[in-house]
Amino acid sequence: MRKITCLLFISCVCSLLQAQTGKVMDNLSLKSKILNMDRKFAIYLPPDYETSQRSYPVLYLLHGAGDDHTGWVQFGEVLSITDKAIKDGSATPMIIVMPDANTGKRGYENDVTNKWRYEDFFFQELMPFVEKTYRIKTEKRYRAISGLSMGGGGTFTYALHHPELFSSACPLSAATGPLNLEDAKTRLIQVNPQLADTAINSYFKRQSVLSLINNVPDSLKKAVRWYIDIGDDDFLYEGNNLVHTAMKKKDIPHEFRIRDGAHNWTYWRTSLVDVLEFVSRSFHQF
């Protein structure tokens, strides 16, 4: 009898510990008609997801160049960092979606020819799929986006293209796109020598963060809460500082953080802690 009681106690403790831990699935996929292929993604579900009936806010978390949807899982330690933030109360329970932007072609944008339409896939297929499949709140105030390096660039452009969809955006060590039209032209004609100037101009206006910031209408200056984070030894510092200056000139409210660090996972793991707290404030009522 004593042995059975002990086993029951151990079982209850194990169940309790398991209930206090979130869950990551990193080999999920959906079929994309836009990209004509299966696309993988990873997802983090908060500790009480399987025991509650509630719906949750969502953070779209974008990886950098050279990684895929497992980057934030494997190197970013999203499970342990988010579990800890939820447990200590600095973050609200949320679902985190991590898409793969490194299959077929690399990047979060539609390419200059508009034949590879990753951004269209994200908004027209991935987002509707995950928000229907999982218990996700679909109002703007419960949706946030963040990402590092290439994913930081995606964070900027996605939130600037669709400010009606995101309550907050947190670009980390962001690639800010071509800083001027000549930079865009030099980059694009290396791959597409016959590219017309009109296509280059259109791409620059769509993908340069500086261009997008400079053209934000007054009515949308406060549409998104911004948290921008860059290390003082990061090779992308210049572009981020120029964006910060442009946002100040346009009177776009934002938080700009320069911390000790470089372009690496040691830096981004600490960034994630701040991101979770920042987006959680958007998810709550002010």
Protein backbone atom coordinates (compact mmCIF):
# COMPACT_ATOMS: atom_id res chain seq x y z
CA MET A 1 0.00 0.00 0.00
CA ARG A 2 2.85 2.35 0.93
CA LYS A 3 4.55 1.58 -2.43
CA ILE A 4 1.36 2.41 -4.36
CA THR A 5 0.95 5.67 -2.45
CA CYS A 6 4.56 6.61 -3.22
CA LEU A 7 4.09 5.86 -6.91
CA LEU A 8 0.91 7.94 -7.00
CA PHE A 9 2.75 10.82 -5.32
CA ILE A 10 5.62 10.65 -7.84
CA SER A 11 3.09 10.53 -10.68
CA CYS A 12 1.30 13.63 -9.36
CA VAL A 13 4.58 15.53 -8.97
CA CYS A 14 5.65 14.59 -12.52
CA SER A 15 2.28 15.69 -13.88
CA LEU A 16 2.53 19.00 -12.02
CA LEU A 17 6.03 19.66 -13.34
CA GLN A 18 4.95 18.79 -16.86
CA ALA A 19 1.95 21.13 -16.59
CA GLN A 20 4.31 23.98 -15.69
CA THR A 21 6.30 23.56 -18.90
CA GLY A 22 5.44 24.87 -22.33
CA LYS A 23 5.67 22.79 -25.46
CA VAL A 24 7.60 23.31 -28.69
CA MET A 25 6.87 21.52 -31.95
CA ASP A 26 9.48 22.23 -34.61
CA ASN A 27 8.57 19.97 -37.52
CA LEU A 28 5.14 21.27 -38.50
CA SER A 29 4.20 22.22 -42.04
CA LEU A 30 1.48 23.52 -44.29
CA LYS A 31 1.00 23.31 -48.03
CA SER A 32 1.50 26.62 -49.81
CA LYS A 33 -0.27 27.23 -53.10
CA ILE A 34 1.50 30.57 -53.46
CA LEU A 35 4.99 29.06 -53.18
CA ASN A 36 3.97 25.68 -54.62
CA MET A 37 5.63 23.69 -51.83
CA ASP A 38 5.23 22.55 -48.25
CA ARG A 39 6.49 25.13 -45.74
CA LYS A 40 7.72 24.23 -42.28
CA PHE A 41 7.23 26.18 -39.09
CA ALA A 42 7.78 25.75 -35.37
CA ILE A 43 5.42 26.73 -32.59
CA TYR A 44 5.65 27.33 -28.86
CA LEU A 45 2.54 26.64 -26.78
CA PRO A 46 2.39 28.04 -23.22
CA PRO A 47 2.32 25.79 -20.13
CA ASP A 48 -1.45 25.86 -19.62
CA TYR A 49 -2.43 25.48 -23.28
CA GLU A 50 -3.54 21.84 -23.03
CA THR A 51 -5.40 22.29 -19.74
CA SER A 52 -7.29 25.48 -20.50
CA GLN A 53 -9.93 26.47 -23.01
CA ARG A 54 -8.77 30.07 -23.38
CA SER A 55 -7.33 31.72 -26.48
CA TYR A 56 -3.90 33.35 -26.45
CA PRO A 57 -2.08 36.31 -27.95
CA VAL A 58 0.54 35.48 -30.56
CA LEU A 59 4.10 36.53 -31.29
CA TYR A 60 5.53 35.84 -34.75
CA LEU A 61 9.26 35.30 -34.23
CA LEU A 62 11.47 35.44 -37.34
CA HIS A 63 14.90 33.83 -37.74
CA GLY A 64 17.98 35.25 -39.44
CA ALA A 65 19.86 34.36 -42.63
CA GLY A 66 21.48 30.93 -42.46
CA ASP A 67 18.98 29.61 -39.91
CA ASP A 68 15.50 28.21 -40.37
CA HIS A 69 12.38 27.79 -38.25
CA THR A 70 14.37 25.79 -35.67
CA GLY A 71 16.88 28.59 -35.01
CA TRP A 72 14.97 30.19 -32.15
CA VAL A 73 14.24 26.72 -30.77
CA GLN A 74 17.77 25.32 -30.88
CA PHE A 75 19.97 28.39 -30.40
CA GLY A 76 17.52 30.94 -29.03
CA GLU A 77 16.25 28.62 -26.28
CA VAL A 78 12.73 29.93 -26.77
CA LEU A 79 11.16 27.21 -24.61
CA SER A 80 13.15 27.78 -21.42
CA ILE A 81 13.31 31.58 -21.77
CA THR A 82 9.57 31.96 -22.41
CA ASP A 83 8.60 29.47 -19.70
CA LYS A 84 10.70 31.39 -17.19
CA ALA A 85 9.27 34.77 -18.27
CA ILE A 86 5.71 33.47 -17.89
CA LYS A 87 6.48 31.88 -14.53
CA ASP A 88 8.04 35.03 -13.05
CA GLY A 89 5.22 37.20 -14.40
CA SER A 90 7.28 39.37 -16.76
CA ALA A 91 5.44 37.90 -19.77
CA THR A 92 1.86 36.86 -20.30
CA PRO A 93 1.17 33.34 -21.63
CA MET A 94 1.34 33.51 -25.42
CA ILE A 95 1.77 31.38 -28.52
CA ILE A 96 4.95 31.92 -30.52
CA VAL A 97 5.04 31.06 -34.24
CA MET A 98 8.42 30.62 -35.94
CA PRO A 99 8.21 30.26 -39.75
CA ASP A 100 10.88 28.92 -42.13
CA ALA A 101 12.18 31.54 -44.59
CA ASN A 102 15.23 29.61 -45.76
CA THR A 103 13.78 27.04 -48.17
CA GLY A 104 13.50 27.62 -51.92
CA LYS A 105 14.83 31.14 -51.54
CA ARG A 106 16.10 33.04 -48.53
CA GLY A 107 14.17 35.99 -47.16
CA TYR A 108 10.80 37.27 -46.00
CA GLU A 109 10.00 39.52 -48.96
CA ASN A 110 8.43 39.03 -52.35
CA ASP A 111 11.40 39.14 -54.74
CA VAL A 112 11.92 41.96 -57.20
CA THR A 113 10.27 40.00 -60.04
CA ASN A 114 7.31 39.03 -57.79
CA LYS A 115 7.72 35.41 -58.86
CA TRP A 116 8.77 34.32 -55.36
CA ARG A 117 6.05 35.68 -53.05
CA TYR A 118 7.08 34.82 -49.49
CA GLU A 119 5.43 37.88 -47.93
CA ASP A 120 2.15 37.00 -49.65
CA PHE A 121 2.49 33.45 -48.31
CA PHE A 122 3.02 34.77 -44.77
CA PHE A 123 -0.06 36.98 -44.70
CA GLN A 124 -2.40 35.04 -46.96
CA GLU A 125 -1.59 31.44 -45.95
CA LEU A 126 0.61 31.03 -42.86
CA MET A 127 -1.08 33.55 -40.59
CA PRO A 128 -4.65 32.42 -41.38
CA PHE A 129 -3.62 28.76 -41.02
CA VAL A 130 -2.01 29.01 -37.58
CA GLU A 131 -4.65 31.37 -36.23
CA LYS A 132 -7.35 28.93 -37.25
CA THR A 133 -5.49 25.79 -36.12
CA TYR A 134 -4.48 27.05 -32.67
CA ARG A 135 -6.45 29.00 -30.08
CA ILE A 136 -5.08 32.40 -31.05
CA LYS A 137 -6.77 35.76 -30.47
CA THR A 138 -7.08 37.37 -33.88
CA GLU A 139 -7.48 41.04 -32.95
CA LYS A 140 -4.59 43.39 -33.75
CA ARG A 141 -3.87 44.19 -30.09
CA TYR A 142 -3.11 40.52 -29.41
CA ARG A 143 -0.64 40.10 -32.31
CA ALA A 144 3.07 41.04 -32.25
CA ILE A 145 6.13 40.42 -34.40
CA SER A 146 9.85 40.22 -33.74
CA GLY A 147 12.95 38.80 -35.37
CA LEU A 148 16.71 38.98 -35.62
CA SER A 149 18.98 40.18 -38.45
CA MET A 150 17.18 39.16 -41.67
CA GLY A 151 14.16 38.52 -39.46
CA GLY A 152 14.60 41.97 -37.94
CA GLY A 153 14.30 43.38 -41.44
CA GLY A 154 11.19 41.28 -41.94
CA THR A 155 9.82 42.62 -38.66
CA PHE A 156 10.29 46.20 -39.86
CA THR A 157 8.75 45.69 -43.29
CA TYR A 158 5.85 43.49 -42.19
CA ALA A 159 4.78 45.92 -39.45
CA LEU A 160 5.22 48.92 -41.77
CA HIS A 161 3.34 47.23 -44.61
CA HIS A 162 0.54 46.07 -42.28
CA PRO A 163 0.30 48.35 -39.22
CA GLU A 164 -3.36 47.33 -38.96
CA LEU A 165 -2.30 43.80 -37.98
CA PHE A 166 0.36 44.25 -35.26
CA SER A 167 0.17 45.93 -31.87
CA SER A 168 3.94 45.88 -31.43
CA ALA A 169 7.10 45.14 -33.41
CA CYS A 170 10.57 44.37 -32.07
CA PRO A 171 13.36 44.30 -34.68
CA LEU A 172 16.61 42.90 -33.24
CA SER A 173 19.98 43.58 -34.91
CA ALA A 174 17.93 44.25 -38.01
CA ALA A 175 19.00 44.19 -41.62
CA THR A 176 17.35 47.44 -42.71
CA GLY A 177 17.47 46.86 -46.47
CA PRO A 178 19.11 49.18 -49.03
CA LEU A 179 19.91 52.55 -47.47
CA ASN A 180 19.47 54.39 -50.76
CA LEU A 181 18.35 53.79 -54.33
CA GLU A 182 21.88 53.31 -55.62
CA ASP A 183 22.53 50.57 -53.06
CA ALA A 184 19.34 48.84 -54.19
CA LYS A 185 20.33 49.09 -57.86
CA THR A 186 23.84 47.75 -57.26
CA ARG A 187 22.49 44.79 -55.30
CA LEU A 188 19.67 43.88 -57.67
CA ILE A 189 21.42 44.11 -61.04
CA GLN A 190 24.06 41.63 -59.87
CA VAL A 191 21.36 38.97 -60.02
CA ASN A 192 19.06 40.54 -62.61
CA PRO A 193 21.23 42.52 -65.10
CA GLN A 194 18.26 43.38 -67.32
CA LEU A 195 16.11 44.69 -64.50
CA ALA A 196 14.19 47.84 -65.38
CA ASP A 197 14.62 51.00 -63.31
CA THR A 198 10.90 51.00 -62.51
CA ALA A 199 11.21 47.57 -60.88
CA ILE A 200 14.24 48.71 -58.88
CA ASN A 201 12.43 51.85 -57.70
CA SER A 202 9.39 49.83 -56.68
CA TYR A 203 11.52 47.32 -54.76
CA PHE A 204 13.41 50.09 -52.96
CA LYS A 205 10.22 51.80 -51.83
CA ARG A 206 8.82 48.47 -50.61
CA GLN A 207 11.90 46.98 -48.91
CA SER A 208 14.02 49.88 -47.67
CA VAL A 209 13.12 50.52 -44.04
CA LEU A 210 14.33 54.11 -44.33
CA SER A 211 12.09 54.70 -47.34
CA LEU A 212 9.11 53.16 -45.54
CA ILE A 213 9.71 55.21 -42.39
CA ASN A 214 10.02 58.45 -44.34
CA ASN A 215 6.65 57.75 -45.98
CA VAL A 216 4.62 56.80 -42.92
CA PRO A 217 1.48 58.99 -42.95
CA ASP A 218 0.80 61.10 -39.87
CA SER A 219 -2.31 59.07 -39.08
CA LEU A 220 -0.24 55.90 -38.61
CA LYS A 221 2.71 57.21 -36.60
CA LYS A 222 1.37 55.61 -33.41
CA ALA A 223 -0.20 52.55 -35.00
CA VAL A 224 2.54 50.19 -33.79
CA ARG A 225 4.59 50.15 -30.58
CA TRP A 226 8.26 49.85 -31.55
CA TYR A 227 11.17 48.29 -29.64
CA ILE A 228 14.46 48.38 -31.59
CA ASP A 229 17.52 46.62 -30.16
CA ILE A 230 21.10 46.59 -31.51
CA GLY A 231 24.50 45.71 -30.05
CA ASP A 232 27.22 48.35 -29.95
CA ASP A 233 29.58 46.00 -31.81
CA ASP A 234 27.02 44.86 -34.40
CA PHE A 235 28.00 45.36 -38.06
CA LEU A 236 24.39 46.44 -38.77
CA TYR A 237 24.56 49.27 -36.24
CA GLU A 238 24.71 52.07 -38.84
CA GLY A 239 21.46 51.13 -40.57
CA ASN A 240 19.62 50.80 -37.26
CA ASN A 241 20.90 54.15 -36.05
CA LEU A 242 19.81 55.81 -39.30
CA VAL A 243 16.33 54.31 -38.88
CA HIS A 244 16.21 55.53 -35.28
CA THR A 245 17.13 59.05 -36.44
CA ALA A 246 14.50 58.94 -39.20
CA MET A 247 11.85 57.84 -36.72
CA LYS A 248 12.75 60.72 -34.38
CA LYS A 249 12.48 63.22 -37.24
CA LYS A 250 9.07 61.80 -38.17
CA ASP A 251 7.94 61.84 -34.51
CA ILE A 252 7.28 58.10 -34.56
CA PRO A 253 7.32 56.88 -30.92
CA HIS A 254 9.78 54.04 -30.35
CA GLU A 255 12.24 52.60 -27.88
CA PHE A 256 15.80 52.33 -29.19
CA ARG A 257 18.22 50.22 -27.17
CA ILE A 258 21.98 49.99 -27.70
CA ARG A 259 23.46 47.33 -25.46
CA ASP A 260 26.89 45.77 -25.08
CA GLY A 261 27.15 42.96 -27.61
CA ALA A 262 27.58 41.80 -31.16
CA HIS A 263 25.68 39.94 -33.88
CA ASN A 264 25.32 36.58 -32.16
CA TRP A 265 23.02 34.30 -30.20
CA THR A 266 24.51 35.32 -26.86
CA TYR A 267 23.06 38.76 -27.54
CA TRP A 268 19.71 37.62 -28.98
CA ARG A 269 18.90 35.28 -26.11
CA THR A 270 19.03 38.27 -23.76
CA SER A 271 17.03 40.32 -26.29
CA LEU A 272 14.21 37.77 -26.23
CA VAL A 273 13.65 38.38 -22.51
CA ASP A 274 13.03 42.07 -23.19
CA VAL A 275 10.87 41.35 -26.24
CA LEU A 276 8.54 39.08 -24.28
CA GLU A 277 8.05 41.75 -21.62
CA PHE A 278 7.53 44.53 -24.20
CA VAL A 279 4.93 42.70 -26.30
CA SER A 280 3.13 41.52 -23.16
CA ARG A 281 2.49 45.14 -22.22
CA SER A 282 0.77 45.57 -25.60
CA PHE A 283 -1.33 42.46 -24.99
CA HIS A 284 -2.57 43.91 -21.71
CA GLN A 285 -4.81 46.90 -21.26
CA PHE A 286 -2.90 50.13 -20.62
